[in-house]
Amino acid sequence: MGNSKNTSQVSNKEAYNTRDSNYFALHRIPVIVQGREIGKIFAETKEDNLVIIAGENIKEHEYLIPKSKISNHDDKKVYLNLLDNFLKEFEV
């Protein structure tokens, strides 16, 4: 039984990894850098970049960050392998 539980977890993870390429944008997933939310994902480009916008009603910041900077993610948050002080390099 323990083995089928493991298989189920792997299957769920594999299914998530083969998700629609716009999953993050469709669900407006928050992006975390060094423990702080920097905005939500609004689009995913064909060039494998994330368009992240900070600010709910007024756009405060917009970032174009390569997906290669993702260090970890789940269905509720995306974590970037990026230092806070390097965010300006990706600001649009």
N, C-alpha and C. Protein backbone atom coordinates (compact mmCIF):
# COMPACT_ATOMS: atom_id res chain seq x y z
N MET A 1 0.82 -1.20 0.00
CA MET A 1 0.00 0.00 0.00
C MET A 1 0.86 1.25 0.00
N GLY A 2 1.93 1.24 0.82
CA GLY A 2 2.81 2.39 0.84
C GLY A 2 3.39 2.68 -0.53
N ASN A 3 3.61 1.64 -1.30
CA ASN A 3 4.16 1.80 -2.63
C ASN A 3 3.19 2.51 -3.57
N SER A 4 1.88 2.18 -3.49
CA SER A 4 0.91 2.84 -4.36
C SER A 4 0.75 4.31 -3.98
N LYS A 5 0.93 4.64 -2.70
CA LYS A 5 0.87 6.04 -2.29
C LYS A 5 2.02 6.81 -2.93
N ASN A 6 3.22 6.23 -2.92
CA ASN A 6 4.37 6.84 -3.58
C ASN A 6 4.11 7.04 -5.06
N THR A 7 3.57 6.05 -5.72
CA THR A 7 3.28 6.14 -7.15
C THR A 7 2.27 7.25 -7.41
N SER A 8 1.26 7.36 -6.54
CA SER A 8 0.26 8.41 -6.69
C SER A 8 0.90 9.79 -6.59
N GLN A 9 1.80 9.98 -5.62
CA GLN A 9 2.45 11.26 -5.46
C GLN A 9 3.30 11.60 -6.68
N VAL A 10 4.03 10.63 -7.19
CA VAL A 10 4.84 10.86 -8.38
C VAL A 10 3.96 11.22 -9.57
N SER A 11 2.85 10.49 -9.73
CA SER A 11 1.94 10.77 -10.84
C SER A 11 1.38 12.18 -10.76
N ASN A 12 0.99 12.61 -9.56
CA ASN A 12 0.47 13.97 -9.39
C ASN A 12 1.54 15.00 -9.74
N LYS A 13 2.77 14.77 -9.30
CA LYS A 13 3.86 15.70 -9.59
C LYS A 13 4.15 15.74 -11.08
N GLU A 14 4.17 14.56 -11.72
CA GLU A 14 4.41 14.52 -13.16
C GLU A 14 3.28 15.23 -13.90
N ALA A 15 2.06 15.03 -13.48
CA ALA A 15 0.93 15.69 -14.11
C ALA A 15 1.06 17.20 -13.97
N TYR A 16 1.50 17.66 -12.81
CA TYR A 16 1.67 19.10 -12.60
C TYR A 16 2.77 19.66 -13.50
N ASN A 17 3.87 18.93 -13.61
CA ASN A 17 4.99 19.40 -14.44
C ASN A 17 4.65 19.44 -15.92
N THR A 18 3.66 18.69 -16.35
CA THR A 18 3.26 18.72 -17.76
C THR A 18 2.02 19.58 -17.94
N ARG A 19 1.77 20.47 -16.99
CA ARG A 19 0.59 21.33 -16.99
C ARG A 19 0.58 22.25 -18.21
N ASP A 20 -0.55 22.89 -18.42
CA ASP A 20 -0.68 23.90 -19.46
C ASP A 20 0.43 24.92 -19.25
N SER A 21 1.03 25.36 -20.32
CA SER A 21 2.18 26.26 -20.20
C SER A 21 1.82 27.60 -19.57
N ASN A 22 0.54 27.93 -19.48
CA ASN A 22 0.13 29.19 -18.86
C ASN A 22 -0.48 28.99 -17.47
N TYR A 23 -0.19 27.87 -16.84
CA TYR A 23 -0.78 27.57 -15.53
C TYR A 23 -0.55 28.70 -14.53
N PHE A 24 0.70 29.15 -14.40
CA PHE A 24 1.01 30.19 -13.41
C PHE A 24 0.21 31.46 -13.69
N ALA A 25 0.12 31.86 -14.95
CA ALA A 25 -0.59 33.08 -15.31
C ALA A 25 -2.10 32.93 -15.11
N LEU A 26 -2.65 31.80 -15.52
CA LEU A 26 -4.10 31.59 -15.38
C LEU A 26 -4.55 31.66 -13.93
N HIS A 27 -3.68 31.26 -13.02
CA HIS A 27 -4.04 31.23 -11.60
C HIS A 27 -3.46 32.39 -10.81
N ARG A 28 -2.81 33.34 -11.52
CA ARG A 28 -2.23 34.53 -10.87
C ARG A 28 -1.42 34.14 -9.64
N ILE A 29 -0.48 33.21 -9.84
CA ILE A 29 0.33 32.67 -8.75
C ILE A 29 1.26 33.75 -8.21
N PRO A 30 1.31 33.95 -6.89
CA PRO A 30 2.24 34.91 -6.29
C PRO A 30 3.69 34.44 -6.45
N VAL A 31 4.59 35.41 -6.58
CA VAL A 31 6.02 35.13 -6.74
C VAL A 31 6.75 35.61 -5.49
N ILE A 32 7.61 34.74 -4.94
CA ILE A 32 8.31 35.02 -3.70
C ILE A 32 9.81 35.14 -3.98
N VAL A 33 10.41 36.22 -3.49
CA VAL A 33 11.86 36.42 -3.54
C VAL A 33 12.33 36.71 -2.13
N GLN A 34 13.20 35.91 -1.62
CA GLN A 34 13.75 36.06 -0.27
C GLN A 34 12.64 36.25 0.78
N GLY A 35 11.60 35.42 0.68
CA GLY A 35 10.53 35.44 1.66
C GLY A 35 9.50 36.54 1.49
N ARG A 36 9.61 37.35 0.45
CA ARG A 36 8.71 38.48 0.23
C ARG A 36 8.00 38.33 -1.11
N GLU A 37 6.68 38.55 -1.11
CA GLU A 37 5.94 38.51 -2.36
C GLU A 37 6.24 39.76 -3.17
N ILE A 38 6.69 39.57 -4.42
CA ILE A 38 7.02 40.70 -5.27
C ILE A 38 5.93 41.02 -6.28
N GLY A 39 4.93 40.15 -6.39
CA GLY A 39 3.84 40.37 -7.33
C GLY A 39 3.23 39.04 -7.73
N LYS A 40 2.38 39.11 -8.76
CA LYS A 40 1.72 37.91 -9.27
C LYS A 40 2.05 37.74 -10.74
N ILE A 41 2.04 36.49 -11.18
CA ILE A 41 2.34 36.19 -12.57
C ILE A 41 1.10 36.49 -13.41
N PHE A 42 1.27 37.31 -14.44
CA PHE A 42 0.17 37.68 -15.32
C PHE A 42 0.29 37.07 -16.70
N ALA A 43 1.50 36.63 -17.08
CA ALA A 43 1.68 36.01 -18.40
C ALA A 43 2.94 35.18 -18.39
N GLU A 44 2.97 34.22 -19.32
CA GLU A 44 4.16 33.41 -19.55
C GLU A 44 4.46 33.51 -21.04
N THR A 45 5.66 33.95 -21.39
CA THR A 45 5.99 34.18 -22.80
C THR A 45 6.50 32.92 -23.47
N LYS A 46 6.51 32.93 -24.78
CA LYS A 46 7.04 31.81 -25.55
C LYS A 46 8.54 31.65 -25.33
N GLU A 47 9.19 32.73 -24.92
CA GLU A 47 10.63 32.71 -24.65
C GLU A 47 10.95 32.19 -23.25
N ASP A 48 9.95 31.60 -22.58
CA ASP A 48 10.11 31.07 -21.23
C ASP A 48 10.41 32.13 -20.19
N ASN A 49 9.73 33.25 -20.29
CA ASN A 49 9.81 34.29 -19.28
C ASN A 49 8.48 34.40 -18.56
N LEU A 50 8.53 34.89 -17.33
CA LEU A 50 7.33 35.18 -16.56
C LEU A 50 7.14 36.69 -16.53
N VAL A 51 5.92 37.15 -16.76
CA VAL A 51 5.60 38.56 -16.61
C VAL A 51 4.96 38.70 -15.25
N ILE A 52 5.64 39.41 -14.36
CA ILE A 52 5.18 39.56 -12.98
C ILE A 52 4.83 41.02 -12.75
N ILE A 53 3.65 41.24 -12.21
CA ILE A 53 3.20 42.61 -11.95
C ILE A 53 2.89 42.75 -10.46
N ALA A 54 3.46 43.78 -9.86
CA ALA A 54 3.20 44.10 -8.45
C ALA A 54 2.16 45.22 -8.41
N GLY A 55 1.21 45.09 -7.51
CA GLY A 55 0.17 46.09 -7.35
C GLY A 55 -1.15 45.56 -7.85
N GLU A 56 -2.16 45.62 -7.03
CA GLU A 56 -3.48 45.09 -7.40
C GLU A 56 -4.24 46.04 -8.32
N ASN A 57 -4.40 47.29 -7.92
CA ASN A 57 -5.19 48.25 -8.69
C ASN A 57 -4.32 49.15 -9.56
N ILE A 58 -3.15 49.48 -9.08
CA ILE A 58 -2.21 50.32 -9.81
C ILE A 58 -0.92 49.53 -9.98
N LYS A 59 -0.44 49.47 -11.22
CA LYS A 59 0.79 48.73 -11.48
C LYS A 59 1.97 49.49 -10.86
N GLU A 60 2.58 48.89 -9.83
CA GLU A 60 3.72 49.51 -9.17
C GLU A 60 5.03 49.12 -9.84
N HIS A 61 5.14 47.83 -10.17
CA HIS A 61 6.35 47.31 -10.82
C HIS A 61 5.93 46.22 -11.80
N GLU A 62 6.72 46.09 -12.87
CA GLU A 62 6.52 44.98 -13.81
C GLU A 62 7.89 44.37 -14.08
N TYR A 63 7.95 43.05 -13.99
CA TYR A 63 9.20 42.33 -14.19
C TYR A 63 9.03 41.30 -15.30
N LEU A 64 10.11 41.08 -16.05
CA LEU A 64 10.19 40.03 -17.05
C LEU A 64 11.34 39.13 -16.61
N ILE A 65 11.01 38.00 -16.00
CA ILE A 65 12.02 37.14 -15.36
C ILE A 65 12.02 35.77 -16.03
N PRO A 66 13.20 35.29 -16.42
CA PRO A 66 13.28 33.96 -17.03
C PRO A 66 12.80 32.86 -16.08
N LYS A 67 12.11 31.87 -16.64
CA LYS A 67 11.65 30.74 -15.83
C LYS A 67 12.81 29.98 -15.22
N SER A 68 13.99 30.12 -15.80
CA SER A 68 15.17 29.44 -15.25
C SER A 68 15.51 29.94 -13.85
N LYS A 69 14.97 31.08 -13.46
CA LYS A 69 15.20 31.63 -12.12
C LYS A 69 14.29 31.00 -11.06
N ILE A 70 13.34 30.15 -11.49
CA ILE A 70 12.45 29.47 -10.53
C ILE A 70 13.27 28.42 -9.78
N SER A 71 13.28 28.54 -8.46
CA SER A 71 13.98 27.54 -7.66
C SER A 71 13.04 26.46 -7.18
N ASN A 72 11.77 26.81 -6.97
CA ASN A 72 10.79 25.87 -6.46
C ASN A 72 9.40 26.44 -6.74
N HIS A 73 8.40 25.57 -6.81
CA HIS A 73 7.03 26.03 -6.98
C HIS A 73 6.07 24.96 -6.52
N ASP A 74 4.88 25.41 -6.19
CA ASP A 74 3.78 24.50 -5.94
C ASP A 74 2.56 25.13 -6.60
N ASP A 75 1.38 24.67 -6.29
CA ASP A 75 0.20 25.23 -6.96
C ASP A 75 -0.25 26.57 -6.37
N LYS A 76 0.45 27.06 -5.35
CA LYS A 76 0.05 28.32 -4.72
C LYS A 76 1.11 29.41 -4.76
N LYS A 77 2.39 29.05 -4.95
CA LYS A 77 3.47 30.04 -4.96
C LYS A 77 4.61 29.59 -5.86
N VAL A 78 5.31 30.59 -6.40
CA VAL A 78 6.53 30.35 -7.17
C VAL A 78 7.66 31.06 -6.43
N TYR A 79 8.74 30.34 -6.19
CA TYR A 79 9.89 30.89 -5.48
C TYR A 79 11.03 31.08 -6.47
N LEU A 80 11.62 32.28 -6.46
CA LEU A 80 12.71 32.56 -7.39
C LEU A 80 14.06 32.47 -6.70
N ASN A 81 15.04 31.97 -7.42
CA ASN A 81 16.41 31.91 -6.96
C ASN A 81 17.07 33.22 -7.40
N LEU A 82 16.77 34.27 -6.66
CA LEU A 82 17.17 35.62 -7.04
C LEU A 82 17.27 36.46 -5.78
N LEU A 83 18.26 37.29 -5.71
CA LEU A 83 18.38 38.20 -4.57
C LEU A 83 17.54 39.44 -4.83
N ASP A 84 16.95 39.97 -3.78
CA ASP A 84 16.08 41.13 -3.85
C ASP A 84 16.73 42.29 -4.60
N ASN A 85 18.01 42.54 -4.36
CA ASN A 85 18.67 43.69 -4.96
C ASN A 85 18.95 43.51 -6.46
N PHE A 86 18.70 42.32 -7.04
CA PHE A 86 18.87 42.11 -8.48
C PHE A 86 17.55 42.22 -9.24
N LEU A 87 16.45 42.47 -8.54
CA LEU A 87 15.16 42.58 -9.20
C LEU A 87 15.13 43.70 -10.23
N LYS A 88 15.80 44.80 -9.96
CA LYS A 88 15.79 45.95 -10.88
C LYS A 88 16.31 45.58 -12.26
N GLU A 89 17.20 44.57 -12.32
CA GLU A 89 17.72 44.12 -13.62
C GLU A 89 16.62 43.55 -14.51
N PHE A 90 15.53 43.09 -13.91
CA PHE A 90 14.45 42.47 -14.66
C PHE A 90 13.22 43.36 -14.78
N GLU A 91 13.31 44.58 -14.24
CA GLU A 91 12.16 45.48 -14.29
C GLU A 91 11.98 46.04 -15.70
N VAL A 92 10.71 46.09 -16.12
CA VAL A 92 10.38 46.56 -17.47
C VAL A 92 10.01 48.02 -17.40
